[in-house]
Amino acid sequence: MITLTPRAAQQVQSMLTELKAPQKRLRVLVESGGCSGFQYGMSFDEPRPDDAQLESEGVSLLIDPTSLAYLQGSAIDFDDGLQGKGFEIKNPNAQSSCGCGKSFN
């Protein structure tokens, strides 16, 4: 399971409203790259046949099978404080992550 904090869910809902595309869902993914080997990605997309479709805090999530293996048990938060970090994924499967928080191994 992948969960969103209430702050993250509120931000996603706000972005979807601005996008004016209520049929789109939040895709969370892992891809090769970044300074630690893998990097996180997020976009608004439509379901693909092999996607896992989850829901957290009223937000529909799409995750491909490979990404799901890396992200299982993760929590997505949103921080709009002084550091302006944006979305942050807390991944219990990551052995280490870089300082920016957007890549891991």
PDB file of N, CA and C in Angstrom:
ATOM      1  N   MET A   1       0.829  -1.189   0.000  1.00  0.00           N
ATOM      2  CA  MET A   1       0.000   0.000   0.000  1.00  0.00           C
ATOM      3  C   MET A   1       0.870   1.247   0.000  1.00  0.00           C
ATOM      4  N   ILE A   2       0.439   2.242  -0.705  1.00  0.00           N
ATOM      5  CA  ILE A   2       1.095   3.546  -0.735  1.00  0.00           C
ATOM      6  C   ILE A   2       0.078   4.554  -0.225  1.00  0.00           C
ATOM      7  N   THR A   3       0.509   5.409   0.680  1.00  0.00           N
ATOM      8  CA  THR A   3      -0.429   6.355   1.278  1.00  0.00           C
ATOM      9  C   THR A   3       0.001   7.796   1.041  1.00  0.00           C
ATOM     10  N   LEU A   4      -0.977   8.667   1.037  1.00  0.00           N
ATOM     11  CA  LEU A   4      -0.740  10.104   0.982  1.00  0.00           C
ATOM     12  C   LEU A   4      -1.129  10.691   2.328  1.00  0.00           C
ATOM     13  N   THR A   5      -0.382  11.684   2.764  1.00  0.00           N
ATOM     14  CA  THR A   5      -0.790  12.416   3.958  1.00  0.00           C
ATOM     15  C   THR A   5      -1.933  13.341   3.562  1.00  0.00           C
ATOM     16  N   PRO A   6      -2.705  13.816   4.514  1.00  0.00           N
ATOM     17  CA  PRO A   6      -3.767  14.765   4.176  1.00  0.00           C
ATOM     18  C   PRO A   6      -3.247  15.996   3.417  1.00  0.00           C
ATOM     19  N   ARG A   7      -2.062  16.502   3.786  1.00  0.00           N
ATOM     20  CA  ARG A   7      -1.495  17.662   3.068  1.00  0.00           C
ATOM     21  C   ARG A   7      -1.199  17.337   1.619  1.00  0.00           C
ATOM     22  N   ALA A   8      -0.638  16.146   1.373  1.00  0.00           N
ATOM     23  CA  ALA A   8      -0.327  15.747  -0.001  1.00  0.00           C
ATOM     24  C   ALA A   8      -1.610  15.574  -0.805  1.00  0.00           C
ATOM     25  N   ALA A   9      -2.606  14.940  -0.204  1.00  0.00           N
ATOM     26  CA  ALA A   9      -3.881  14.727  -0.902  1.00  0.00           C
ATOM     27  C   ALA A   9      -4.533  16.056  -1.253  1.00  0.00           C
ATOM     28  N   GLN A  10      -4.498  17.003  -0.331  1.00  0.00           N
ATOM     29  CA  GLN A  10      -5.084  18.325  -0.587  1.00  0.00           C
ATOM     30  C   GLN A  10      -4.368  19.013  -1.747  1.00  0.00           C
ATOM     31  N   GLN A  11      -3.043  18.900  -1.806  1.00  0.00           N
ATOM     32  CA  GLN A  11      -2.282  19.515  -2.888  1.00  0.00           C
ATOM     33  C   GLN A  11      -2.597  18.855  -4.226  1.00  0.00           C
ATOM     34  N   VAL A  12      -2.699  17.535  -4.250  1.00  0.00           N
ATOM     35  CA  VAL A  12      -3.024  16.821  -5.486  1.00  0.00           C
ATOM     36  C   VAL A  12      -4.414  17.231  -5.972  1.00  0.00           C
ATOM     37  N   GLN A  13      -5.387  17.276  -5.061  1.00  0.00           N
ATOM     38  CA  GLN A  13      -6.746  17.676  -5.442  1.00  0.00           C
ATOM     39  C   GLN A  13      -6.757  19.096  -6.008  1.00  0.00           C
ATOM     40  N   SER A  14      -5.991  19.978  -5.401  1.00  0.00           N
ATOM     41  CA  SER A  14      -5.892  21.357  -5.882  1.00  0.00           C
ATOM     42  C   SER A  14      -5.287  21.402  -7.288  1.00  0.00           C
ATOM     43  N   MET A  15      -4.255  20.621  -7.519  1.00  0.00           N
ATOM     44  CA  MET A  15      -3.609  20.578  -8.834  1.00  0.00           C
ATOM     45  C   MET A  15      -4.550  20.013  -9.891  1.00  0.00           C
ATOM     46  N   LEU A  16      -5.309  18.975  -9.528  1.00  0.00           N
ATOM     47  CA  LEU A  16      -6.271  18.389 -10.469  1.00  0.00           C
ATOM     48  C   LEU A  16      -7.364  19.396 -10.828  1.00  0.00           C
ATOM     49  N   THR A  17      -7.804  20.182  -9.859  1.00  0.00           N
ATOM     50  CA  THR A  17      -8.814  21.210 -10.119  1.00  0.00           C
ATOM     51  C   THR A  17      -8.277  22.249 -11.089  1.00  0.00           C
ATOM     52  N   GLU A  18      -7.029  22.679 -10.876  1.00  0.00           N
ATOM     53  CA  GLU A  18      -6.408  23.658 -11.777  1.00  0.00           C
ATOM     54  C   GLU A  18      -6.216  23.078 -13.171  1.00  0.00           C
ATOM     55  N   LEU A  19      -5.897  21.797 -13.251  1.00  0.00           N
ATOM     56  CA  LEU A  19      -5.662  21.127 -14.527  1.00  0.00           C
ATOM     57  C   LEU A  19      -6.958  20.945 -15.316  1.00  0.00           C
ATOM     58  N   LYS A  20      -8.080  20.946 -14.611  1.00  0.00           N
ATOM     59  CA  LYS A  20      -9.398  20.743 -15.223  1.00  0.00           C
ATOM     60  C   LYS A  20      -9.451  19.426 -15.999  1.00  0.00           C
ATOM     61  N   ALA A  21      -8.934  18.384 -15.352  1.00  0.00           N
ATOM     62  CA  ALA A  21      -8.930  17.050 -15.956  1.00  0.00           C
ATOM     63  C   ALA A  21      -9.298  16.032 -14.884  1.00  0.00           C
ATOM     64  N   PRO A  22     -10.567  16.019 -14.455  1.00  0.00           N
ATOM     65  CA  PRO A  22     -10.964  15.141 -13.348  1.00  0.00           C
ATOM     66  C   PRO A  22     -10.799  13.651 -13.634  1.00  0.00           C
ATOM     67  N   GLN A  23     -10.697  13.249 -14.893  1.00  0.00           N
ATOM     68  CA  GLN A  23     -10.533  11.838 -15.227  1.00  0.00           C
ATOM     69  C   GLN A  23      -9.103  11.353 -15.016  1.00  0.00           C
ATOM     70  N   LYS A  24      -8.162  12.275 -14.887  1.00  0.00           N
ATOM     71  CA  LYS A  24      -6.754  11.900 -14.700  1.00  0.00           C
ATOM     72  C   LYS A  24      -6.518  11.479 -13.254  1.00  0.00           C
ATOM     73  N   ARG A  25      -5.506  10.649 -13.074  1.00  0.00           N
ATOM     74  CA  ARG A  25      -5.135  10.159 -11.752  1.00  0.00           C
ATOM     75  C   ARG A  25      -3.655  10.419 -11.528  1.00  0.00           C
ATOM     76  N   LEU A  26      -3.262  10.368 -10.290  1.00  0.00           N
ATOM     77  CA  LEU A  26      -1.863  10.606  -9.959  1.00  0.00           C
ATOM     78  C   LEU A  26      -1.057   9.342 -10.199  1.00  0.00           C
ATOM     79  N   ARG A  27      -0.101   9.430 -11.123  1.00  0.00           N
ATOM     80  CA  ARG A  27       0.820   8.317 -11.376  1.00  0.00           C
ATOM     81  C   ARG A  27       2.084   8.562 -10.558  1.00  0.00           C
ATOM     82  N   VAL A  28       2.465   7.557  -9.787  1.00  0.00           N
ATOM     83  CA  VAL A  28       3.699   7.593  -9.010  1.00  0.00           C
ATOM     84  C   VAL A  28       4.589   6.509  -9.577  1.00  0.00           C
ATOM     85  N   LEU A  29       5.847   6.862  -9.858  1.00  0.00           N
ATOM     86  CA  LEU A  29       6.723   5.888 -10.504  1.00  0.00           C
ATOM     87  C   LEU A  29       8.158   5.997 -10.041  1.00  0.00           C
ATOM     88  N   VAL A  30       8.887   4.960 -10.336  1.00  0.00           N
ATOM     89  CA  VAL A  30      10.321   4.893 -10.088  1.00  0.00           C
ATOM     90  C   VAL A  30      10.976   4.616 -11.426  1.00  0.00           C
ATOM     91  N   GLU A  31      12.050   5.353 -11.709  1.00  0.00           N
ATOM     92  CA  GLU A  31      12.782   5.130 -12.954  1.00  0.00           C
ATOM     93  C   GLU A  31      14.279   5.224 -12.691  1.00  0.00           C
ATOM     94  N   SER A  32      15.076   4.665 -13.586  1.00  0.00           N
ATOM     95  CA  SER A  32      16.524   4.749 -13.453  1.00  0.00           C
ATOM     96  C   SER A  32      16.960   6.185 -13.596  1.00  0.00           C
ATOM     97  N   GLY A  33      17.968   6.551 -12.803  1.00  0.00           N
ATOM     98  CA  GLY A  33      18.511   7.899 -12.896  1.00  0.00           C
ATOM     99  C   GLY A  33      18.694   8.505 -11.522  1.00  0.00           C
ATOM    100  N   GLY A  34      18.960   9.780 -11.519  1.00  0.00           N
ATOM    101  CA  GLY A  34      19.200  10.471 -10.258  1.00  0.00           C
ATOM    102  C   GLY A  34      20.596  10.184  -9.753  1.00  0.00           C
ATOM    103  N   CYS A  35      20.974  10.845  -8.701  1.00  0.00           N
ATOM    104  CA  CYS A  35      22.338  10.702  -8.190  1.00  0.00           C
ATOM    105  C   CYS A  35      22.527   9.454  -7.331  1.00  0.00           C
ATOM    106  N   SER A  36      21.440   8.746  -7.005  1.00  0.00           N
ATOM    107  CA  SER A  36      21.563   7.545  -6.179  1.00  0.00           C
ATOM    108  C   SER A  36      21.150   6.261  -6.889  1.00  0.00           C
ATOM    109  N   GLY A  37      20.848   6.320  -8.184  1.00  0.00           N
ATOM    110  CA  GLY A  37      20.511   5.101  -8.937  1.00  0.00           C
ATOM    111  C   GLY A  37      19.089   5.070  -9.454  1.00  0.00           C
ATOM    112  N   PHE A  38      18.124   5.441  -8.629  1.00  0.00           N
ATOM    113  CA  PHE A  38      16.721   5.500  -9.030  1.00  0.00           C
ATOM    114  C   PHE A  38      16.166   6.865  -8.643  1.00  0.00           C
ATOM    115  N   GLN A  39      15.153   7.292  -9.362  1.00  0.00           N
ATOM    116  CA  GLN A  39      14.507   8.547  -8.996  1.00  0.00           C
ATOM    117  C   GLN A  39      12.997   8.395  -9.038  1.00  0.00           C
ATOM    118  N   TYR A  40      12.337   9.197  -8.231  1.00  0.00           N
ATOM    119  CA  TYR A  40      10.880   9.185  -8.164  1.00  0.00           C
ATOM    120  C   TYR A  40      10.317  10.106  -9.237  1.00  0.00           C
ATOM    121  N   GLY A  41       9.140   9.774  -9.702  1.00  0.00           N
ATOM    122  CA  GLY A  41       8.433  10.634 -10.642  1.00  0.00           C
ATOM    123  C   GLY A  41       6.955  10.636 -10.303  1.00  0.00           C
ATOM    124  N   MET A  42       6.300  11.729 -10.639  1.00  0.00           N
ATOM    125  CA  MET A  42       4.864  11.858 -10.441  1.00  0.00           C
ATOM    126  C   MET A  42       4.302  12.642 -11.610  1.00  0.00           C
ATOM    127  N   SER A  43       3.132  12.225 -12.089  1.00  0.00           N
ATOM    128  CA  SER A  43       2.459  12.944 -13.166  1.00  0.00           C
ATOM    129  C   SER A  43       0.975  12.614 -13.105  1.00  0.00           C
ATOM    130  N   PHE A  44       0.191  13.337 -13.864  1.00  0.00           N
ATOM    131  CA  PHE A  44      -1.229  13.019 -13.986  1.00  0.00           C
ATOM    132  C   PHE A  44      -1.403  12.241 -15.273  1.00  0.00           C
ATOM    133  N   ASP A  45      -2.112  11.129 -15.192  1.00  0.00           N
ATOM    134  CA  ASP A  45      -2.180  10.209 -16.318  1.00  0.00           C
ATOM    135  C   ASP A  45      -3.506   9.444 -16.270  1.00  0.00           C
ATOM    136  N   GLU A  46      -3.714   8.625 -17.290  1.00  0.00           N
ATOM    137  CA  GLU A  46      -4.871   7.735 -17.340  1.00  0.00           C
ATOM    138  C   GLU A  46      -4.377   6.303 -17.148  1.00  0.00           C
ATOM    139  N   PRO A  47      -5.237   5.414 -16.655  1.00  0.00           N
ATOM    140  CA  PRO A  47      -4.808   4.034 -16.366  1.00  0.00           C
ATOM    141  C   PRO A  47      -4.333   3.281 -17.598  1.00  0.00           C
ATOM    142  N   ARG A  48      -3.348   2.418 -17.373  1.00  0.00           N
ATOM    143  CA  ARG A  48      -2.859   1.475 -18.376  1.00  0.00           C
ATOM    144  C   ARG A  48      -3.257   0.079 -17.907  1.00  0.00           C
ATOM    145  N   PRO A  49      -3.324  -0.878 -18.825  1.00  0.00           N
ATOM    146  CA  PRO A  49      -3.829  -2.215 -18.465  1.00  0.00           C
ATOM    147  C   PRO A  49      -3.132  -2.888 -17.282  1.00  0.00           C
ATOM    148  N   ASP A  50      -1.816  -2.709 -17.120  1.00  0.00           N
ATOM    149  CA  ASP A  50      -1.109  -3.427 -16.058  1.00  0.00           C
ATOM    150  C   ASP A  50      -0.922  -2.609 -14.774  1.00  0.00           C
ATOM    151  N   ASP A  51      -1.500  -1.423 -14.706  1.00  0.00           N
ATOM    152  CA  ASP A  51      -1.353  -0.568 -13.530  1.00  0.00           C
ATOM    153  C   ASP A  51      -2.066  -1.132 -12.307  1.00  0.00           C
ATOM    154  N   ALA A  52      -1.446  -0.925 -11.151  1.00  0.00           N
ATOM    155  CA  ALA A  52      -2.155  -1.104  -9.888  1.00  0.00           C
ATOM    156  C   ALA A  52      -2.905   0.204  -9.662  1.00  0.00           C
ATOM    157  N   GLN A  53      -4.158   0.116  -9.278  1.00  0.00           N
ATOM    158  CA  GLN A  53      -4.965   1.305  -9.015  1.00  0.00           C
ATOM    159  C   GLN A  53      -5.318   1.308  -7.532  1.00  0.00           C
ATOM    160  N   LEU A  54      -4.791   2.298  -6.830  1.00  0.00           N
ATOM    161  CA  LEU A  54      -4.972   2.415  -5.395  1.00  0.00           C
ATOM    162  C   LEU A  54      -5.685   3.725  -5.079  1.00  0.00           C
ATOM    163  N   GLU A  55      -6.118   3.854  -3.848  1.00  0.00           N
ATOM    164  CA  GLU A  55      -6.706   5.111  -3.406  1.00  0.00           C
ATOM    165  C   GLU A  55      -6.221   5.417  -2.003  1.00  0.00           C
ATOM    166  N   SER A  56      -5.899   6.680  -1.766  1.00  0.00           N
ATOM    167  CA  SER A  56      -5.484   7.129  -0.439  1.00  0.00           C
ATOM    168  C   SER A  56      -5.982   8.547  -0.232  1.00  0.00           C
ATOM    169  N   GLU A  57      -6.640   8.776   0.883  1.00  0.00           N
ATOM    170  CA  GLU A  57      -7.158  10.106   1.221  1.00  0.00           C
ATOM    171  C   GLU A  57      -8.026  10.688   0.105  1.00  0.00           C
ATOM    172  N   GLY A  58      -8.753   9.818  -0.607  1.00  0.00           N
ATOM    173  CA  GLY A  58      -9.641  10.279  -1.666  1.00  0.00           C
ATOM    174  C   GLY A  58      -8.967  10.549  -2.996  1.00  0.00           C
ATOM    175  N   VAL A  59      -7.666  10.246  -3.107  1.00  0.00           N
ATOM    176  CA  VAL A  59      -6.910  10.462  -4.345  1.00  0.00           C
ATOM    177  C   VAL A  59      -6.659   9.107  -5.008  1.00  0.00           C
ATOM    178  N   SER A  60      -6.969   8.994  -6.295  1.00  0.00           N
ATOM    179  CA  SER A  60      -6.708   7.774  -7.062  1.00  0.00           C
ATOM    180  C   SER A  60      -5.267   7.771  -7.543  1.00  0.00           C
ATOM    181  N   LEU A  61      -4.577   6.658  -7.280  1.00  0.00           N
ATOM    182  CA  LEU A  61      -3.167   6.517  -7.651  1.00  0.00           C
ATOM    183  C   LEU A  61      -3.013   5.424  -8.701  1.00  0.00           C
ATOM    184  N   LEU A  62      -2.098   5.632  -9.623  1.00  0.00           N
ATOM    185  CA  LEU A  62      -1.719   4.640 -10.619  1.00  0.00           C
ATOM    186  C   LEU A  62      -0.252   4.304 -10.421  1.00  0.00           C
ATOM    187  N   ILE A  63       0.069   3.005 -10.408  1.00  0.00           N
ATOM    188  CA  ILE A  63       1.454   2.599 -10.216  1.00  0.00           C
ATOM    189  C   ILE A  63       1.713   1.357 -11.055  1.00  0.00           C
ATOM    190  N   ASP A  64       2.748   1.418 -11.889  1.00  0.00           N
ATOM    191  CA  ASP A  64       3.093   0.256 -12.702  1.00  0.00           C
ATOM    192  C   ASP A  64       3.699  -0.819 -11.795  1.00  0.00           C
ATOM    193  N   PRO A  65       3.666  -2.084 -12.221  1.00  0.00           N
ATOM    194  CA  PRO A  65       4.111  -3.186 -11.359  1.00  0.00           C
ATOM    195  C   PRO A  65       5.554  -3.059 -10.862  1.00  0.00           C
ATOM    196  N   THR A  66       6.459  -2.616 -11.709  1.00  0.00           N
ATOM    197  CA  THR A  66       7.863  -2.477 -11.289  1.00  0.00           C
ATOM    198  C   THR A  66       8.003  -1.410 -10.217  1.00  0.00           C
ATOM    199  N   SER A  67       7.369  -0.259 -10.434  1.00  0.00           N
ATOM    200  CA  SER A  67       7.439   0.814  -9.446  1.00  0.00           C
ATOM    201  C   SER A  67       6.798   0.394  -8.129  1.00  0.00           C
ATOM    202  N   LEU A  68       5.718  -0.361  -8.208  1.00  0.00           N
ATOM    203  CA  LEU A  68       5.024  -0.798  -7.000  1.00  0.00           C
ATOM    204  C   LEU A  68       5.954  -1.622  -6.113  1.00  0.00           C
ATOM    205  N   ALA A  69       6.790  -2.451  -6.718  1.00  0.00           N
ATOM    206  CA  ALA A  69       7.728  -3.267  -5.941  1.00  0.00           C
ATOM    207  C   ALA A  69       8.688  -2.384  -5.141  1.00  0.00           C
ATOM    208  N   TYR A  70       9.125  -1.272  -5.716  1.00  0.00           N
ATOM    209  CA  TYR A  70      10.047  -0.362  -5.031  1.00  0.00           C
ATOM    210  C   TYR A  70       9.332   0.542  -4.023  1.00  0.00           C
ATOM    211  N   LEU A  71       8.061   0.831  -4.261  1.00  0.00           N
ATOM    212  CA  LEU A  71       7.343   1.822  -3.456  1.00  0.00           C
ATOM    213  C   LEU A  71       6.441   1.242  -2.373  1.00  0.00           C
ATOM    214  N   GLN A  72       6.312  -0.072  -2.309  1.00  0.00           N
ATOM    215  CA  GLN A  72       5.409  -0.701  -1.339  1.00  0.00           C
ATOM    216  C   GLN A  72       5.682  -0.178   0.073  1.00  0.00           C
ATOM    217  N   GLY A  73       4.651   0.310   0.736  1.00  0.00           N
ATOM    218  CA  GLY A  73       4.778   0.817   2.102  1.00  0.00           C
ATOM    219  C   GLY A  73       5.192   2.272   2.196  1.00  0.00           C
ATOM    220  N   SER A  74       5.342   2.951   1.071  1.00  0.00           N
ATOM    221  CA  SER A  74       5.778   4.347   1.073  1.00  0.00           C
ATOM    222  C   SER A  74       4.644   5.297   1.444  1.00  0.00           C
ATOM    223  N   ALA A  75       5.039   6.457   1.943  1.00  0.00           N
ATOM    224  CA  ALA A  75       4.094   7.528   2.260  1.00  0.00           C
ATOM    225  C   ALA A  75       4.529   8.779   1.504  1.00  0.00           C
ATOM    226  N   ILE A  76       3.567   9.474   0.920  1.00  0.00           N
ATOM    227  CA  ILE A  76       3.853  10.700   0.174  1.00  0.00           C
ATOM    228  C   ILE A  76       3.318  11.875   0.970  1.00  0.00           C
ATOM    229  N   ASP A  77       4.193  12.837   1.228  1.00  0.00           N
ATOM    230  CA  ASP A  77       3.830  14.030   1.980  1.00  0.00           C
ATOM    231  C   ASP A  77       4.053  15.244   1.090  1.00  0.00           C
ATOM    232  N   PHE A  78       3.529  16.371   1.518  1.00  0.00           N
ATOM    233  CA  PHE A  78       3.751  17.628   0.810  1.00  0.00           C
ATOM    234  C   PHE A  78       4.182  18.667   1.828  1.00  0.00           C
ATOM    235  N   ASP A  79       5.283  19.338   1.534  1.00  0.00           N
ATOM    236  CA  ASP A  79       5.818  20.366   2.426  1.00  0.00           C
ATOM    237  C   ASP A  79       5.939  21.664   1.652  1.00  0.00           C
ATOM    238  N   ASP A  80       5.196  22.668   2.077  1.00  0.00           N
ATOM    239  CA  ASP A  80       5.283  23.972   1.415  1.00  0.00           C
ATOM    240  C   ASP A  80       5.906  25.013   2.336  1.00  0.00           C
ATOM    241  N   GLY A  81       6.716  24.561   3.270  1.00  0.00           N
ATOM    242  CA  GLY A  81       7.357  25.447   4.242  1.00  0.00           C
ATOM    243  C   GLY A  81       8.475  26.280   3.635  1.00  0.00           C
ATOM    244  N   LEU A  82       9.318  26.801   4.479  1.00  0.00           N
ATOM    245  CA  LEU A  82      10.391  27.696   4.056  1.00  0.00           C
ATOM    246  C   LEU A  82      11.352  27.057   3.059  1.00  0.00           C
ATOM    247  N   GLN A  83      11.576  25.768   3.195  1.00  0.00           N
ATOM    248  CA  GLN A  83      12.490  25.086   2.279  1.00  0.00           C
ATOM    249  C   GLN A  83      11.855  24.858   0.911  1.00  0.00           C
ATOM    250  N   GLY A  84      10.528  24.935   0.819  1.00  0.00           N
ATOM    251  CA  GLY A  84       9.841  24.767  -0.466  1.00  0.00           C
ATOM    252  C   GLY A  84      10.107  23.425  -1.109  1.00  0.00           C
ATOM    253  N   LYS A  85      10.098  22.356  -0.336  1.00  0.00           N
ATOM    254  CA  LYS A  85      10.459  21.047  -0.842  1.00  0.00           C
ATOM    255  C   LYS A  85       9.453  20.454  -1.816  1.00  0.00           C
ATOM    256  N   GLY A  86       8.173  20.723  -1.645  1.00  0.00           N
ATOM    257  CA  GLY A  86       7.159  20.104  -2.488  1.00  0.00           C
ATOM    258  C   GLY A  86       6.828  18.713  -1.992  1.00  0.00           C
ATOM    259  N   PHE A  87       6.595  17.778  -2.916  1.00  0.00           N
ATOM    260  CA  PHE A  87       6.254  16.408  -2.539  1.00  0.00           C
ATOM    261  C   PHE A  87       7.504  15.664  -2.073  1.00  0.00           C
ATOM    262  N   GLU A  88       7.306  14.838  -1.047  1.00  0.00           N
ATOM    263  CA  GLU A  88       8.403  14.046  -0.506  1.00  0.00           C
ATOM    264  C   GLU A  88       7.902  12.620  -0.305  1.00  0.00           C
ATOM    265  N   ILE A  89       8.657  11.668  -0.803  1.00  0.00           N
ATOM    266  CA  ILE A  89       8.292  10.260  -0.657  1.00  0.00           C
ATOM    267  C   ILE A  89       9.161   9.645   0.428  1.00  0.00           C
ATOM    268  N   LYS A  90       8.498   9.105   1.437  1.00  0.00           N
ATOM    269  CA  LYS A  90       9.192   8.410   2.524  1.00  0.00           C
ATOM    270  C   LYS A  90       9.083   6.924   2.223  1.00  0.00           C
ATOM    271  N   ASN A  91      10.199   6.370   1.762  1.00  0.00           N
ATOM    272  CA  ASN A  91      10.215   5.002   1.256  1.00  0.00           C
ATOM    273  C   ASN A  91      10.982   4.085   2.204  1.00  0.00           C
ATOM    274  N   PRO A  92      10.288   3.157   2.869  1.00  0.00           N
ATOM    275  CA  PRO A  92      10.984   2.249   3.793  1.00  0.00           C
ATOM    276  C   PRO A  92      11.887   1.240   3.088  1.00  0.00           C
ATOM    277  N   ASN A  93      11.770   1.116   1.771  1.00  0.00           N
ATOM    278  CA  ASN A  93      12.580   0.166   1.006  1.00  0.00           C
ATOM    279  C   ASN A  93      13.912   0.755   0.546  1.00  0.00           C
ATOM    280  N   ALA A  94      14.071   2.057   0.638  1.00  0.00           N
ATOM    281  CA  ALA A  94      15.296   2.708   0.172  1.00  0.00           C
ATOM    282  C   ALA A  94      16.424   2.458   1.171  1.00  0.00           C
ATOM    283  N   GLN A  95      17.556   1.994   0.664  1.00  0.00           N
ATOM    284  CA  GLN A  95      18.717   1.787   1.524  1.00  0.00           C
ATOM    285  C   GLN A  95      19.363   3.115   1.870  1.00  0.00           C
ATOM    286  N   SER A  96      19.348   4.033   0.912  1.00  0.00           N
ATOM    287  CA  SER A  96      19.864   5.382   1.132  1.00  0.00           C
ATOM    288  C   SER A  96      19.215   6.300   0.113  1.00  0.00           C
ATOM    289  N   SER A  97      19.262   7.587   0.384  1.00  0.00           N
ATOM    290  CA  SER A  97      18.732   8.559  -0.572  1.00  0.00           C
ATOM    291  C   SER A  97      19.652   9.759  -0.603  1.00  0.00           C
ATOM    292  N   CYS A  98      19.537  10.531  -1.675  1.00  0.00           N
ATOM    293  CA  CYS A  98      20.414  11.689  -1.816  1.00  0.00           C
ATOM    294  C   CYS A  98      19.831  12.864  -1.020  1.00  0.00           C
ATOM    295  N   GLY A  99      20.583  13.921  -0.934  1.00  0.00           N
ATOM    296  CA  GLY A  99      20.158  15.094  -0.174  1.00  0.00           C
ATOM    297  C   GLY A  99      18.906  15.761  -0.688  1.00  0.00           C
ATOM    298  N   CYS A 100      18.642  15.662  -1.985  1.00  0.00           N
ATOM    299  CA  CYS A 100      17.461  16.317  -2.536  1.00  0.00           C
ATOM    300  C   CYS A 100      16.189  15.534  -2.244  1.00  0.00           C
ATOM    301  N   GLY A 101      16.314  14.260  -1.875  1.00  0.00           N
ATOM    302  CA  GLY A 101      15.158  13.437  -1.560  1.00  0.00           C
ATOM    303  C   GLY A 101      14.402  12.920  -2.762  1.00  0.00           C
ATOM    304  N   LYS A 102      14.934  13.142  -3.966  1.00  0.00           N
ATOM    305  CA  LYS A 102      14.242  12.716  -5.173  1.00  0.00           C
ATOM    306  C   LYS A 102      14.838  11.463  -5.797  1.00  0.00           C
ATOM    307  N   SER A 103      15.962  10.991  -5.258  1.00  0.00           N
ATOM    308  CA  SER A 103      16.547   9.751  -5.763  1.00  0.00           C
ATOM    309  C   SER A 103      16.988   8.869  -4.593  1.00  0.00           C
ATOM    310  N   PHE A 104      17.140   7.574  -4.885  1.00  0.00           N
ATOM    311  CA  PHE A 104      17.446   6.606  -3.835  1.00  0.00           C
ATOM    312  C   PHE A 104      18.087   5.371  -4.448  1.00  0.00           C
ATOM    313  N   ASN A 105      18.567   4.481  -3.578  1.00  0.00           N
ATOM    314  CA  ASN A 105      18.998   3.146  -4.022  1.00  0.00           C
ATOM    315  C   ASN A 105      18.583   2.119  -2.992  1.00  0.00           C
TER     316      ASN A 105
END
